[in-house]
Amino acid sequence: MEYIVRLLEAKQVTHNVKRFRLEKPEGYSFNPGQATEVSVNKLGWQDERRPFTFTCLNDDPYLEFTIKRYPDHKGVTDLLHQLEPGDEVIVRDVWGAIEYKGPGCFIAGGAGITPFLAILREQRRLKKIKGNTLYFANQKAEDVIEEEELRAALGKDVHFILSKEKKEGYDYGRIDGGYLKNKVSDFKQPFYICGPDQMVADITELLKGLGASPEGLVFEK
């Protein structure tokens, strides 16, 4: 099923990420962590579909996506970032992505934070965010999406890791085996992983080697 909706608002979140709010079709619903396929309703672009995770909550009166721009590709994300309020976007049926299975450890790389934004916002709204920890890897501090909100929501339980910049208040390096062993005390809790494919694969194997159960590893399949 396809729904043509208008863009209500586009707001810059970081230097290359925007938050898009769109009309919400009547009866449309989803769970935090789920996604849909999006395309721009312009000639020649209607069938250029890309998957994006909702970063709003189902109760919100709009649909929200937080999308990184890849201008070199001259593709859908580049075109989305050029849209103005009133322009039309096509959204489709919801599909399952990352499902929350209880308090645990979230590991995100770059734009891989997006499914976690909805999940953590929902848990915060329910006053059940305690017990969750986030490790969020980026290249530089300027790349961190919704840093202020994440710090307010998680306090000491959020850790920002930068691979190309040393800065006070952030860890420096990468999320590797040594980092995980140093930071994580319980490998029996659920682990939620989202980011570039290679990062997800590498961290999944590291966690298994550190004692995490395969059933406790949650990532997009």
N, C-alpha and C. Protein backbone atom coordinates (compact mmCIF):
# COMPACT_ATOMS: atom_id res chain seq x y z
N MET A 1 0.84 -1.19 0.00
CA MET A 1 0.00 0.00 0.00
C MET A 1 0.88 1.25 0.00
N GLU A 2 0.54 2.22 -0.82
CA GLU A 2 1.29 3.47 -0.88
C GLU A 2 0.43 4.63 -0.38
N TYR A 3 1.09 5.55 0.31
CA TYR A 3 0.42 6.74 0.81
C TYR A 3 1.22 7.97 0.38
N ILE A 4 0.57 8.90 -0.29
CA ILE A 4 1.23 10.15 -0.67
C ILE A 4 0.95 11.17 0.43
N VAL A 5 2.01 11.67 1.04
CA VAL A 5 1.87 12.61 2.16
C VAL A 5 2.73 13.84 1.91
N ARG A 6 2.34 14.95 2.51
CA ARG A 6 3.08 16.19 2.35
C ARG A 6 4.12 16.36 3.46
N LEU A 7 5.21 17.00 3.10
CA LEU A 7 6.22 17.36 4.09
C LEU A 7 5.72 18.55 4.90
N LEU A 8 5.70 18.40 6.21
CA LEU A 8 5.26 19.47 7.10
C LEU A 8 6.43 20.34 7.53
N GLU A 9 7.56 19.69 7.81
CA GLU A 9 8.70 20.43 8.38
C GLU A 9 9.99 19.66 8.13
N ALA A 10 11.05 20.38 7.81
CA ALA A 10 12.39 19.78 7.71
C ALA A 10 13.35 20.64 8.52
N LYS A 11 14.02 20.02 9.48
CA LYS A 11 14.90 20.77 10.37
C LYS A 11 16.28 20.14 10.43
N GLN A 12 17.31 20.97 10.32
CA GLN A 12 18.68 20.49 10.38
C GLN A 12 18.99 20.02 11.79
N VAL A 13 19.52 18.79 11.92
CA VAL A 13 19.86 18.22 13.23
C VAL A 13 21.38 18.24 13.44
N THR A 14 22.12 17.86 12.40
CA THR A 14 23.58 18.03 12.38
C THR A 14 23.92 18.63 11.02
N HIS A 15 25.22 18.75 10.74
CA HIS A 15 25.63 19.36 9.47
C HIS A 15 25.16 18.59 8.26
N ASN A 16 24.87 17.27 8.40
CA ASN A 16 24.43 16.49 7.24
C ASN A 16 23.22 15.59 7.55
N VAL A 17 22.49 15.91 8.61
CA VAL A 17 21.30 15.14 9.00
C VAL A 17 20.14 16.10 9.20
N LYS A 18 18.98 15.72 8.65
CA LYS A 18 17.76 16.49 8.85
C LYS A 18 16.67 15.62 9.46
N ARG A 19 15.79 16.27 10.23
CA ARG A 19 14.61 15.62 10.76
C ARG A 19 13.42 16.05 9.90
N PHE A 20 12.73 15.06 9.34
CA PHE A 20 11.59 15.32 8.47
C PHE A 20 10.30 14.92 9.18
N ARG A 21 9.33 15.82 9.21
CA ARG A 21 8.01 15.49 9.73
C ARG A 21 7.00 15.57 8.59
N LEU A 22 6.22 14.50 8.45
CA LEU A 22 5.29 14.35 7.35
C LEU A 22 3.87 14.14 7.87
N GLU A 23 2.91 14.39 7.01
CA GLU A 23 1.53 14.05 7.34
C GLU A 23 1.45 12.56 7.67
N LYS A 24 0.56 12.22 8.60
CA LYS A 24 0.37 10.82 8.97
C LYS A 24 -0.95 10.33 8.39
N PRO A 25 -0.92 9.30 7.55
CA PRO A 25 -2.17 8.78 6.99
C PRO A 25 -3.10 8.26 8.08
N GLU A 26 -4.37 8.42 7.89
CA GLU A 26 -5.35 7.95 8.87
C GLU A 26 -5.23 6.44 9.06
N GLY A 27 -5.18 6.01 10.31
CA GLY A 27 -5.10 4.59 10.61
C GLY A 27 -3.71 3.98 10.50
N TYR A 28 -2.72 4.78 10.17
CA TYR A 28 -1.35 4.29 10.00
C TYR A 28 -0.72 4.09 11.38
N SER A 29 -0.10 2.93 11.61
CA SER A 29 0.49 2.67 12.92
C SER A 29 1.76 1.84 12.79
N PHE A 30 2.60 1.92 13.80
CA PHE A 30 3.89 1.22 13.81
C PHE A 30 4.37 1.07 15.24
N ASN A 31 5.37 0.24 15.43
CA ASN A 31 6.02 0.09 16.73
C ASN A 31 7.40 0.72 16.67
N PRO A 32 7.90 1.24 17.81
CA PRO A 32 9.25 1.79 17.81
C PRO A 32 10.27 0.78 17.30
N GLY A 33 11.15 1.21 16.43
CA GLY A 33 12.15 0.33 15.83
C GLY A 33 11.76 -0.16 14.45
N GLN A 34 10.49 0.05 14.06
CA GLN A 34 10.05 -0.38 12.73
C GLN A 34 10.36 0.67 11.67
N ALA A 35 10.21 0.26 10.41
CA ALA A 35 10.61 1.11 9.29
C ALA A 35 9.60 1.01 8.16
N THR A 36 9.81 1.83 7.16
CA THR A 36 9.02 1.75 5.93
C THR A 36 9.93 2.17 4.77
N GLU A 37 9.43 1.99 3.55
CA GLU A 37 10.17 2.45 2.37
C GLU A 37 9.62 3.81 1.95
N VAL A 38 10.53 4.71 1.66
CA VAL A 38 10.18 6.09 1.34
C VAL A 38 10.72 6.44 -0.05
N SER A 39 9.93 7.19 -0.80
CA SER A 39 10.43 7.77 -2.05
C SER A 39 9.84 9.15 -2.21
N VAL A 40 10.41 9.93 -3.13
CA VAL A 40 9.96 11.30 -3.38
C VAL A 40 8.95 11.27 -4.52
N ASN A 41 7.84 11.97 -4.34
CA ASN A 41 6.78 11.97 -5.35
C ASN A 41 7.08 13.01 -6.43
N LYS A 42 8.15 12.75 -7.16
CA LYS A 42 8.54 13.58 -8.31
C LYS A 42 8.78 12.65 -9.50
N LEU A 43 8.55 13.16 -10.69
CA LEU A 43 8.69 12.36 -11.91
C LEU A 43 10.06 11.69 -11.97
N GLY A 44 10.05 10.39 -12.15
CA GLY A 44 11.30 9.63 -12.26
C GLY A 44 11.84 9.15 -10.93
N TRP A 45 11.22 9.58 -9.81
CA TRP A 45 11.73 9.23 -8.48
C TRP A 45 10.76 8.37 -7.67
N GLN A 46 9.54 8.21 -8.17
CA GLN A 46 8.51 7.52 -7.36
C GLN A 46 8.90 6.08 -7.01
N ASP A 47 9.64 5.42 -7.86
CA ASP A 47 10.01 4.02 -7.62
C ASP A 47 11.40 3.86 -7.02
N GLU A 48 12.06 4.99 -6.72
CA GLU A 48 13.37 4.93 -6.06
C GLU A 48 13.13 4.86 -4.55
N ARG A 49 13.01 3.66 -4.03
CA ARG A 49 12.64 3.45 -2.63
C ARG A 49 13.87 3.28 -1.75
N ARG A 50 13.78 3.85 -0.55
CA ARG A 50 14.83 3.65 0.44
C ARG A 50 14.18 3.37 1.80
N PRO A 51 14.76 2.43 2.58
CA PRO A 51 14.18 2.13 3.89
C PRO A 51 14.64 3.14 4.95
N PHE A 52 13.70 3.64 5.72
CA PHE A 52 14.01 4.54 6.83
C PHE A 52 13.18 4.15 8.04
N THR A 53 13.78 4.30 9.21
CA THR A 53 13.12 3.98 10.48
C THR A 53 12.39 5.20 11.01
N PHE A 54 11.23 4.96 11.58
CA PHE A 54 10.49 6.05 12.22
C PHE A 54 11.25 6.50 13.47
N THR A 55 11.38 7.82 13.64
CA THR A 55 12.01 8.33 14.87
C THR A 55 10.98 9.03 15.77
N CYS A 56 9.72 9.03 15.35
CA CYS A 56 8.64 9.52 16.20
C CYS A 56 8.02 8.34 16.93
N LEU A 57 7.00 8.62 17.72
CA LEU A 57 6.24 7.57 18.39
C LEU A 57 4.89 7.41 17.68
N ASN A 58 4.29 6.27 17.85
CA ASN A 58 3.02 6.00 17.16
C ASN A 58 1.92 6.99 17.56
N ASP A 59 2.00 7.50 18.79
CA ASP A 59 0.98 8.46 19.26
C ASP A 59 1.13 9.84 18.63
N ASP A 60 2.27 10.13 18.05
CA ASP A 60 2.48 11.46 17.46
C ASP A 60 1.55 11.66 16.27
N PRO A 61 1.11 12.90 16.04
CA PRO A 61 0.17 13.16 14.94
C PRO A 61 0.84 13.30 13.58
N TYR A 62 2.12 12.97 13.50
CA TYR A 62 2.89 13.08 12.26
C TYR A 62 3.80 11.86 12.16
N LEU A 63 4.40 11.67 10.99
CA LEU A 63 5.47 10.69 10.81
C LEU A 63 6.79 11.44 10.80
N GLU A 64 7.79 10.88 11.44
CA GLU A 64 9.10 11.54 11.49
C GLU A 64 10.20 10.57 11.09
N PHE A 65 11.13 11.08 10.29
CA PHE A 65 12.33 10.34 9.91
C PHE A 65 13.53 11.26 10.12
N THR A 66 14.63 10.70 10.58
CA THR A 66 15.87 11.45 10.78
C THR A 66 16.88 10.87 9.80
N ILE A 67 17.24 11.66 8.79
CA ILE A 67 17.91 11.11 7.60
C ILE A 67 19.22 11.83 7.30
N LYS A 68 20.26 11.03 7.14
CA LYS A 68 21.57 11.56 6.76
C LYS A 68 21.65 11.75 5.25
N ARG A 69 22.26 12.84 4.86
CA ARG A 69 22.40 13.16 3.43
C ARG A 69 23.72 12.60 2.89
N TYR A 70 23.62 11.96 1.73
CA TYR A 70 24.80 11.47 1.02
C TYR A 70 24.85 12.18 -0.33
N PRO A 71 25.35 13.42 -0.38
CA PRO A 71 25.28 14.22 -1.60
C PRO A 71 26.06 13.64 -2.78
N ASP A 72 27.12 12.89 -2.49
CA ASP A 72 27.92 12.32 -3.58
C ASP A 72 27.13 11.33 -4.42
N HIS A 73 26.12 10.71 -3.82
CA HIS A 73 25.35 9.68 -4.52
C HIS A 73 24.33 10.28 -5.49
N LYS A 74 23.99 11.58 -5.27
CA LYS A 74 22.94 12.22 -6.09
C LYS A 74 21.67 11.36 -6.11
N GLY A 75 21.33 10.80 -4.96
CA GLY A 75 20.21 9.87 -4.88
C GLY A 75 19.07 10.39 -4.03
N VAL A 76 18.36 9.46 -3.39
CA VAL A 76 17.14 9.79 -2.65
C VAL A 76 17.43 10.70 -1.46
N THR A 77 18.47 10.40 -0.68
CA THR A 77 18.72 11.24 0.50
C THR A 77 19.08 12.66 0.09
N ASP A 78 19.83 12.80 -0.98
CA ASP A 78 20.19 14.13 -1.47
C ASP A 78 18.95 14.91 -1.89
N LEU A 79 18.04 14.22 -2.58
CA LEU A 79 16.80 14.87 -3.02
C LEU A 79 15.90 15.22 -1.84
N LEU A 80 15.80 14.31 -0.88
CA LEU A 80 14.99 14.59 0.32
C LEU A 80 15.46 15.85 1.03
N HIS A 81 16.75 16.02 1.11
CA HIS A 81 17.31 17.19 1.81
C HIS A 81 17.04 18.49 1.06
N GLN A 82 16.61 18.40 -0.18
CA GLN A 82 16.28 19.61 -0.95
C GLN A 82 14.79 19.95 -0.90
N LEU A 83 13.98 19.09 -0.30
CA LEU A 83 12.53 19.31 -0.28
C LEU A 83 12.15 20.47 0.63
N GLU A 84 11.02 21.09 0.28
CA GLU A 84 10.45 22.18 1.06
C GLU A 84 9.09 21.74 1.61
N PRO A 85 8.62 22.33 2.72
CA PRO A 85 7.29 22.02 3.22
C PRO A 85 6.24 22.14 2.10
N GLY A 86 5.36 21.16 2.05
CA GLY A 86 4.36 21.11 0.98
C GLY A 86 4.71 20.14 -0.11
N ASP A 87 6.00 19.82 -0.27
CA ASP A 87 6.40 18.81 -1.25
C ASP A 87 5.88 17.44 -0.81
N GLU A 88 5.73 16.54 -1.77
CA GLU A 88 5.12 15.24 -1.48
C GLU A 88 6.13 14.10 -1.43
N VAL A 89 5.87 13.20 -0.49
CA VAL A 89 6.69 12.01 -0.27
C VAL A 89 5.76 10.80 -0.26
N ILE A 90 6.26 9.67 -0.72
CA ILE A 90 5.48 8.44 -0.70
C ILE A 90 6.01 7.53 0.42
N VAL A 91 5.11 7.10 1.31
CA VAL A 91 5.48 6.10 2.32
C VAL A 91 4.64 4.85 2.06
N ARG A 92 5.12 3.74 2.58
CA ARG A 92 4.46 2.47 2.30
C ARG A 92 4.17 1.73 3.60
N ASP A 93 3.77 0.47 3.47
CA ASP A 93 3.43 -0.30 4.66
C ASP A 93 4.65 -0.45 5.58
N VAL A 94 4.37 -0.65 6.83
CA VAL A 94 5.40 -0.80 7.87
C VAL A 94 5.97 -2.21 7.83
N TRP A 95 7.26 -2.33 8.08
CA TRP A 95 7.85 -3.67 8.22
C TRP A 95 8.70 -3.73 9.48
N GLY A 96 8.84 -4.93 10.00
CA GLY A 96 9.54 -5.13 11.26
C GLY A 96 11.03 -4.90 11.13
N ALA A 97 11.59 -4.22 12.08
CA ALA A 97 13.04 -4.01 12.08
C ALA A 97 13.59 -4.46 13.43
N ILE A 98 13.92 -3.51 14.30
CA ILE A 98 14.50 -3.85 15.59
C ILE A 98 13.42 -3.78 16.67
N GLU A 99 13.22 -4.88 17.36
CA GLU A 99 12.17 -4.96 18.37
C GLU A 99 12.78 -4.91 19.76
N TYR A 100 12.18 -4.09 20.62
CA TYR A 100 12.66 -3.95 21.99
C TYR A 100 12.28 -5.19 22.81
N LYS A 101 13.28 -5.77 23.47
CA LYS A 101 13.05 -6.98 24.26
C LYS A 101 13.37 -6.77 25.74
N GLY A 102 13.39 -5.53 26.15
CA GLY A 102 13.67 -5.23 27.55
C GLY A 102 14.97 -4.47 27.71
N PRO A 103 15.25 -3.96 28.92
CA PRO A 103 16.45 -3.17 29.17
C PRO A 103 17.71 -3.89 28.72
N GLY A 104 18.61 -3.14 28.10
CA GLY A 104 19.84 -3.75 27.61
C GLY A 104 20.83 -2.72 27.14
N CYS A 105 21.72 -3.16 26.31
CA CYS A 105 22.84 -2.36 25.83
C CYS A 105 22.63 -2.05 24.34
N PHE A 106 22.55 -0.77 24.01
CA PHE A 106 22.38 -0.33 22.62
C PHE A 106 23.73 0.10 22.07
N ILE A 107 24.07 -0.42 20.89
CA ILE A 107 25.34 -0.07 20.23
C ILE A 107 25.01 0.45 18.84
N ALA A 108 25.32 1.72 18.59
CA ALA A 108 24.96 2.35 17.32
C ALA A 108 26.16 2.99 16.66
N GLY A 109 26.15 2.96 15.34
CA GLY A 109 27.17 3.64 14.56
C GLY A 109 26.50 4.63 13.62
N GLY A 110 26.82 5.92 13.77
CA GLY A 110 26.31 6.95 12.86
C GLY A 110 24.79 6.97 12.79
N ALA A 111 24.28 6.93 11.55
CA ALA A 111 22.83 6.99 11.34
C ALA A 111 22.12 5.74 11.85
N GLY A 112 22.88 4.74 12.30
CA GLY A 112 22.29 3.55 12.91
C GLY A 112 21.59 3.84 14.24
N ILE A 113 21.71 5.08 14.72
CA ILE A 113 21.01 5.45 15.95
C ILE A 113 19.49 5.55 15.73
N THR A 114 19.03 5.68 14.48
CA THR A 114 17.63 6.05 14.25
C THR A 114 16.60 5.08 14.85
N PRO A 115 16.72 3.76 14.70
CA PRO A 115 15.71 2.91 15.35
C PRO A 115 15.74 3.03 16.87
N PHE A 116 16.92 3.31 17.40
CA PHE A 116 17.05 3.42 18.85
C PHE A 116 16.42 4.71 19.38
N LEU A 117 16.39 5.76 18.55
CA LEU A 117 15.75 7.01 18.99
C LEU A 117 14.29 6.76 19.36
N ALA A 118 13.57 6.05 18.48
CA ALA A 118 12.16 5.79 18.76
C ALA A 118 12.00 4.88 19.98
N ILE A 119 12.82 3.83 20.06
CA ILE A 119 12.72 2.89 21.19
C ILE A 119 13.01 3.61 22.51
N LEU A 120 14.09 4.39 22.56
CA LEU A 120 14.47 5.07 23.80
C LEU A 120 13.47 6.17 24.15
N ARG A 121 12.94 6.85 23.14
CA ARG A 121 11.92 7.87 23.41
C ARG A 121 10.67 7.24 24.01
N GLU A 122 10.30 6.07 23.51
CA GLU A 122 9.14 5.37 24.05
C GLU A 122 9.38 4.95 25.50
N GLN A 123 10.56 4.41 25.77
CA GLN A 123 10.87 3.98 27.14
C GLN A 123 10.94 5.18 28.09
N ARG A 124 11.44 6.29 27.60
CA ARG A 124 11.49 7.50 28.43
C ARG A 124 10.07 7.99 28.73
N ARG A 125 9.21 7.97 27.71
CA ARG A 125 7.83 8.40 27.89
C ARG A 125 7.12 7.52 28.93
N LEU A 126 7.44 6.23 28.90
CA LEU A 126 6.83 5.28 29.83
C LEU A 126 7.51 5.28 31.21
N LYS A 127 8.57 6.12 31.33
CA LYS A 127 9.38 6.17 32.55
C LYS A 127 10.02 4.81 32.87
N LYS A 128 10.46 4.14 31.79
CA LYS A 128 11.09 2.83 31.93
C LYS A 128 12.48 2.79 31.28
N ILE A 129 13.10 3.95 31.13
CA ILE A 129 14.38 3.98 30.41
C ILE A 129 15.54 3.47 31.27
N LYS A 130 15.36 3.47 32.57
CA LYS A 130 16.43 3.02 33.48
C LYS A 130 16.80 1.58 33.16
N GLY A 131 18.08 1.29 33.18
CA GLY A 131 18.57 -0.05 32.87
C GLY A 131 19.07 -0.19 31.45
N ASN A 132 18.86 0.85 30.64
CA ASN A 132 19.37 0.86 29.27
C ASN A 132 20.65 1.68 29.19
N THR A 133 21.60 1.20 28.41
CA THR A 133 22.87 1.90 28.18
C THR A 133 23.08 2.04 26.67
N LEU A 134 23.61 3.19 26.26
CA LEU A 134 23.86 3.43 24.84
C LEU A 134 25.34 3.71 24.60
N TYR A 135 25.91 3.01 23.62
CA TYR A 135 27.25 3.30 23.11
C TYR A 135 27.09 3.75 21.67
N PHE A 136 27.43 5.00 21.39
CA PHE A 136 27.12 5.62 20.11
C PHE A 136 28.43 6.09 19.45
N ALA A 137 28.81 5.42 18.36
CA ALA A 137 30.08 5.70 17.69
C ALA A 137 29.89 6.61 16.48
N ASN A 138 30.76 7.62 16.39
CA ASN A 138 30.80 8.54 15.25
C ASN A 138 32.24 8.92 14.96
N GLN A 139 32.44 9.64 13.87
CA GLN A 139 33.79 10.08 13.56
C GLN A 139 34.17 11.31 14.39
N LYS A 140 33.29 12.31 14.40
CA LYS A 140 33.55 13.56 15.13
C LYS A 140 32.32 13.97 15.93
N ALA A 141 32.52 14.87 16.88
CA ALA A 141 31.41 15.33 17.73
C ALA A 141 30.31 15.98 16.90
N GLU A 142 30.68 16.64 15.82
CA GLU A 142 29.67 17.31 14.99
C GLU A 142 28.74 16.31 14.29
N ASP A 143 29.12 15.05 14.26
CA ASP A 143 28.32 14.02 13.60
C ASP A 143 27.25 13.40 14.51
N VAL A 144 27.32 13.69 15.80
CA VAL A 144 26.44 13.01 16.76
C VAL A 144 25.00 13.52 16.62
N ILE A 145 24.08 12.61 16.35
CA ILE A 145 22.66 12.93 16.17
C ILE A 145 21.97 12.98 17.52
N GLU A 146 21.23 14.06 17.76
CA GLU A 146 20.41 14.24 18.97
C GLU A 146 21.20 14.01 20.26
N GLU A 147 22.42 14.54 20.29
CA GLU A 147 23.27 14.33 21.47
C GLU A 147 22.65 14.89 22.75
N GLU A 148 22.14 16.11 22.67
CA GLU A 148 21.58 16.76 23.87
C GLU A 148 20.43 15.94 24.45
N GLU A 149 19.54 15.46 23.58
CA GLU A 149 18.40 14.66 24.03
C GLU A 149 18.87 13.34 24.66
N LEU A 150 19.85 12.71 24.03
CA LEU A 150 20.33 11.42 24.54
C LEU A 150 21.02 11.58 25.89
N ARG A 151 21.77 12.65 26.06
CA ARG A 151 22.40 12.90 27.36
C ARG A 151 21.34 13.16 28.43
N ALA A 152 20.30 13.91 28.07
CA ALA A 152 19.24 14.21 29.04
C ALA A 152 18.47 12.94 29.41
N ALA A 153 18.26 12.06 28.45
CA ALA A 153 17.47 10.85 28.68
C ALA A 153 18.24 9.80 29.47
N LEU A 154 19.54 9.64 29.17
CA LEU A 154 20.30 8.52 29.71
C LEU A 154 21.35 8.91 30.74
N GLY A 155 21.69 10.18 30.82
CA GLY A 155 22.67 10.62 31.81
C GLY A 155 24.00 9.89 31.67
N LYS A 156 24.46 9.30 32.77
CA LYS A 156 25.76 8.62 32.77
C LYS A 156 25.74 7.32 31.97
N ASP A 157 24.55 6.90 31.52
CA ASP A 157 24.44 5.64 30.79
C ASP A 157 24.50 5.82 29.27
N VAL A 158 24.97 6.97 28.82
CA VAL A 158 25.24 7.14 27.39
C VAL A 158 26.73 7.43 27.23
N HIS A 159 27.33 6.79 26.25
CA HIS A 159 28.76 6.94 25.97
C HIS A 159 28.93 7.25 24.49
N PHE A 160 29.58 8.38 24.19
CA PHE A 160 29.83 8.77 22.81
C PHE A 160 31.28 8.47 22.47
N ILE A 161 31.49 7.74 21.38
CA ILE A 161 32.83 7.32 20.99
C ILE A 161 33.18 7.97 19.66
N LEU A 162 34.30 8.69 19.60
CA LEU A 162 34.73 9.37 18.38
C LEU A 162 36.00 8.70 17.84
N SER A 163 36.01 8.42 16.54
CA SER A 163 37.17 7.73 15.95
C SER A 163 38.18 8.69 15.31
N LYS A 164 37.75 9.95 15.05
CA LYS A 164 38.65 10.88 14.35
C LYS A 164 38.83 12.20 15.08
N GLU A 165 38.48 12.23 16.36
CA GLU A 165 38.60 13.47 17.12
C GLU A 165 38.71 13.15 18.61
N LYS A 166 39.69 13.76 19.27
CA LYS A 166 39.81 13.62 20.72
C LYS A 166 39.19 14.85 21.35
N LYS A 167 38.21 14.62 22.23
CA LYS A 167 37.49 15.75 22.81
C LYS A 167 37.00 15.37 24.20
N GLU A 168 37.09 16.33 25.13
CA GLU A 168 36.65 16.06 26.50
C GLU A 168 35.16 15.72 26.52
N GLY A 169 34.81 14.71 27.30
CA GLY A 169 33.42 14.30 27.41
C GLY A 169 33.04 13.18 26.45
N TYR A 170 34.01 12.76 25.62
CA TYR A 170 33.78 11.70 24.65
C TYR A 170 34.90 10.68 24.78
N ASP A 171 34.57 9.41 24.53
CA ASP A 171 35.61 8.39 24.44
C ASP A 171 36.25 8.48 23.06
N TYR A 172 37.50 8.07 22.98
CA TYR A 172 38.21 8.12 21.70
C TYR A 172 38.57 6.71 21.24
N GLY A 173 38.35 6.43 19.97
CA GLY A 173 38.72 5.13 19.42
C GLY A 173 37.55 4.46 18.73
N ARG A 174 37.47 3.16 18.88
CA ARG A 174 36.40 2.38 18.24
C ARG A 174 35.79 1.41 19.24
N ILE A 175 34.62 0.94 18.93
CA ILE A 175 33.98 -0.07 19.79
C ILE A 175 34.53 -1.43 19.38
N ASP A 176 35.57 -1.86 20.06
CA ASP A 176 36.19 -3.16 19.76
C ASP A 176 36.08 -4.05 21.00
N GLY A 177 36.73 -5.20 20.94
CA GLY A 177 36.65 -6.15 22.04
C GLY A 177 37.15 -5.58 23.35
N GLY A 178 38.27 -4.85 23.29
CA GLY A 178 38.83 -4.26 24.50
C GLY A 178 37.90 -3.23 25.11
N TYR A 179 37.30 -2.42 24.27
CA TYR A 179 36.36 -1.39 24.75
C TYR A 179 35.17 -2.05 25.43
N LEU A 180 34.60 -3.07 24.79
CA LEU A 180 33.43 -3.73 25.34
C LEU A 180 33.75 -4.42 26.68
N LYS A 181 34.89 -5.08 26.75
CA LYS A 181 35.27 -5.76 28.00
C LYS A 181 35.45 -4.75 29.13
N ASN A 182 35.96 -3.58 28.79
CA ASN A 182 36.20 -2.54 29.78
C ASN A 182 34.91 -1.88 30.27
N LYS A 183 33.93 -1.78 29.39
CA LYS A 183 32.72 -1.01 29.70
C LYS A 183 31.54 -1.87 30.15
N VAL A 184 31.40 -3.06 29.59
CA VAL A 184 30.20 -3.86 29.82
C VAL A 184 30.48 -4.94 30.87
N SER A 185 29.65 -4.99 31.91
CA SER A 185 29.86 -5.98 32.97
C SER A 185 28.95 -7.20 32.81
N ASP A 186 27.85 -7.03 32.08
CA ASP A 186 26.88 -8.12 31.95
C ASP A 186 26.65 -8.46 30.48
N PHE A 187 27.15 -9.59 30.05
CA PHE A 187 26.99 -9.99 28.65
C PHE A 187 25.78 -10.90 28.45
N LYS A 188 24.98 -11.05 29.49
CA LYS A 188 23.76 -11.86 29.37
C LYS A 188 22.53 -11.00 29.06
N GLN A 189 22.68 -9.67 29.13
CA GLN A 189 21.58 -8.77 28.84
C GLN A 189 21.33 -8.69 27.33
N PRO A 190 20.19 -8.19 26.88
CA PRO A 190 19.99 -7.99 25.44
C PRO A 190 20.95 -6.94 24.89
N PHE A 191 21.41 -7.17 23.66
CA PHE A 191 22.23 -6.19 22.95
C PHE A 191 21.52 -5.81 21.66
N TYR A 192 21.38 -4.51 21.44
CA TYR A 192 20.75 -3.99 20.24
C TYR A 192 21.83 -3.31 19.41
N ILE A 193 21.97 -3.74 18.17
CA ILE A 193 23.09 -3.28 17.35
C ILE A 193 22.57 -2.73 16.03
N CYS A 194 23.00 -1.52 15.66
CA CYS A 194 22.60 -0.97 14.37
C CYS A 194 23.68 0.00 13.88
N GLY A 195 24.01 -0.12 12.60
CA GLY A 195 25.02 0.73 12.00
C GLY A 195 25.41 0.16 10.66
N PRO A 196 26.57 0.55 10.13
CA PRO A 196 27.04 -0.04 8.87
C PRO A 196 27.13 -1.56 8.97
N ASP A 197 26.87 -2.24 7.87
CA ASP A 197 26.80 -3.72 7.88
C ASP A 197 28.03 -4.37 8.50
N GLN A 198 29.22 -3.88 8.14
CA GLN A 198 30.44 -4.50 8.65
C GLN A 198 30.57 -4.30 10.15
N MET A 199 30.19 -3.13 10.62
CA MET A 199 30.24 -2.87 12.06
C MET A 199 29.31 -3.82 12.81
N VAL A 200 28.10 -3.99 12.30
CA VAL A 200 27.13 -4.88 12.95
C VAL A 200 27.67 -6.31 12.98
N ALA A 201 28.23 -6.75 11.86
CA ALA A 201 28.78 -8.12 11.79
C ALA A 201 29.95 -8.29 12.77
N ASP A 202 30.84 -7.31 12.80
CA ASP A 202 32.02 -7.39 13.67
C ASP A 202 31.62 -7.41 15.15
N ILE A 203 30.72 -6.50 15.54
CA ILE A 203 30.33 -6.41 16.94
C ILE A 203 29.52 -7.63 17.37
N THR A 204 28.72 -8.14 16.46
CA THR A 204 27.96 -9.36 16.76
C THR A 204 28.91 -10.51 17.12
N GLU A 205 29.96 -10.68 16.31
CA GLU A 205 30.92 -11.74 16.59
C GLU A 205 31.70 -11.49 17.88
N LEU A 206 32.06 -10.23 18.12
CA LEU A 206 32.77 -9.89 19.36
C LEU A 206 31.91 -10.22 20.58
N LEU A 207 30.64 -9.84 20.52
CA LEU A 207 29.75 -10.09 21.66
C LEU A 207 29.55 -11.58 21.91
N LYS A 208 29.42 -12.34 20.84
CA LYS A 208 29.31 -13.80 21.01
C LYS A 208 30.54 -14.35 21.70
N GLY A 209 31.71 -13.85 21.28
CA GLY A 209 32.96 -14.31 21.88
C GLY A 209 33.10 -13.91 23.34
N LEU A 210 32.40 -12.84 23.74
CA LEU A 210 32.46 -12.37 25.12
C LEU A 210 31.37 -12.98 26.00
N GLY A 211 30.57 -13.86 25.41
CA GLY A 211 29.58 -14.59 26.21
C GLY A 211 28.14 -14.21 25.98
N ALA A 212 27.88 -13.26 25.06
CA ALA A 212 26.48 -12.90 24.77
C ALA A 212 25.80 -14.06 24.05
N SER A 213 24.54 -14.30 24.38
CA SER A 213 23.82 -15.39 23.72
C SER A 213 23.29 -14.89 22.37
N PRO A 214 23.35 -15.71 21.33
CA PRO A 214 22.85 -15.30 20.02
C PRO A 214 21.40 -14.83 20.07
N GLU A 215 20.59 -15.43 20.97
CA GLU A 215 19.18 -15.04 21.10
C GLU A 215 19.04 -13.64 21.68
N GLY A 216 20.07 -13.17 22.37
CA GLY A 216 20.01 -11.85 23.00
C GLY A 216 20.54 -10.73 22.13
N LEU A 217 20.95 -11.08 20.90
CA LEU A 217 21.48 -10.07 19.98
C LEU A 217 20.38 -9.64 19.02
N VAL A 218 20.04 -8.37 19.02
CA VAL A 218 18.93 -7.86 18.21
C VAL A 218 19.49 -6.88 17.19
N PHE A 219 19.27 -7.18 15.92
CA PHE A 219 19.72 -6.27 14.85
C PHE A 219 18.83 -6.46 13.65
N GLU A 220 18.92 -5.51 12.71
CA GLU A 220 18.10 -5.60 11.50
C GLU A 220 18.57 -6.77 10.66
N LYS A 221 17.62 -7.56 10.20
CA LYS A 221 17.97 -8.72 9.37
C LYS A 221 17.45 -8.50 7.97
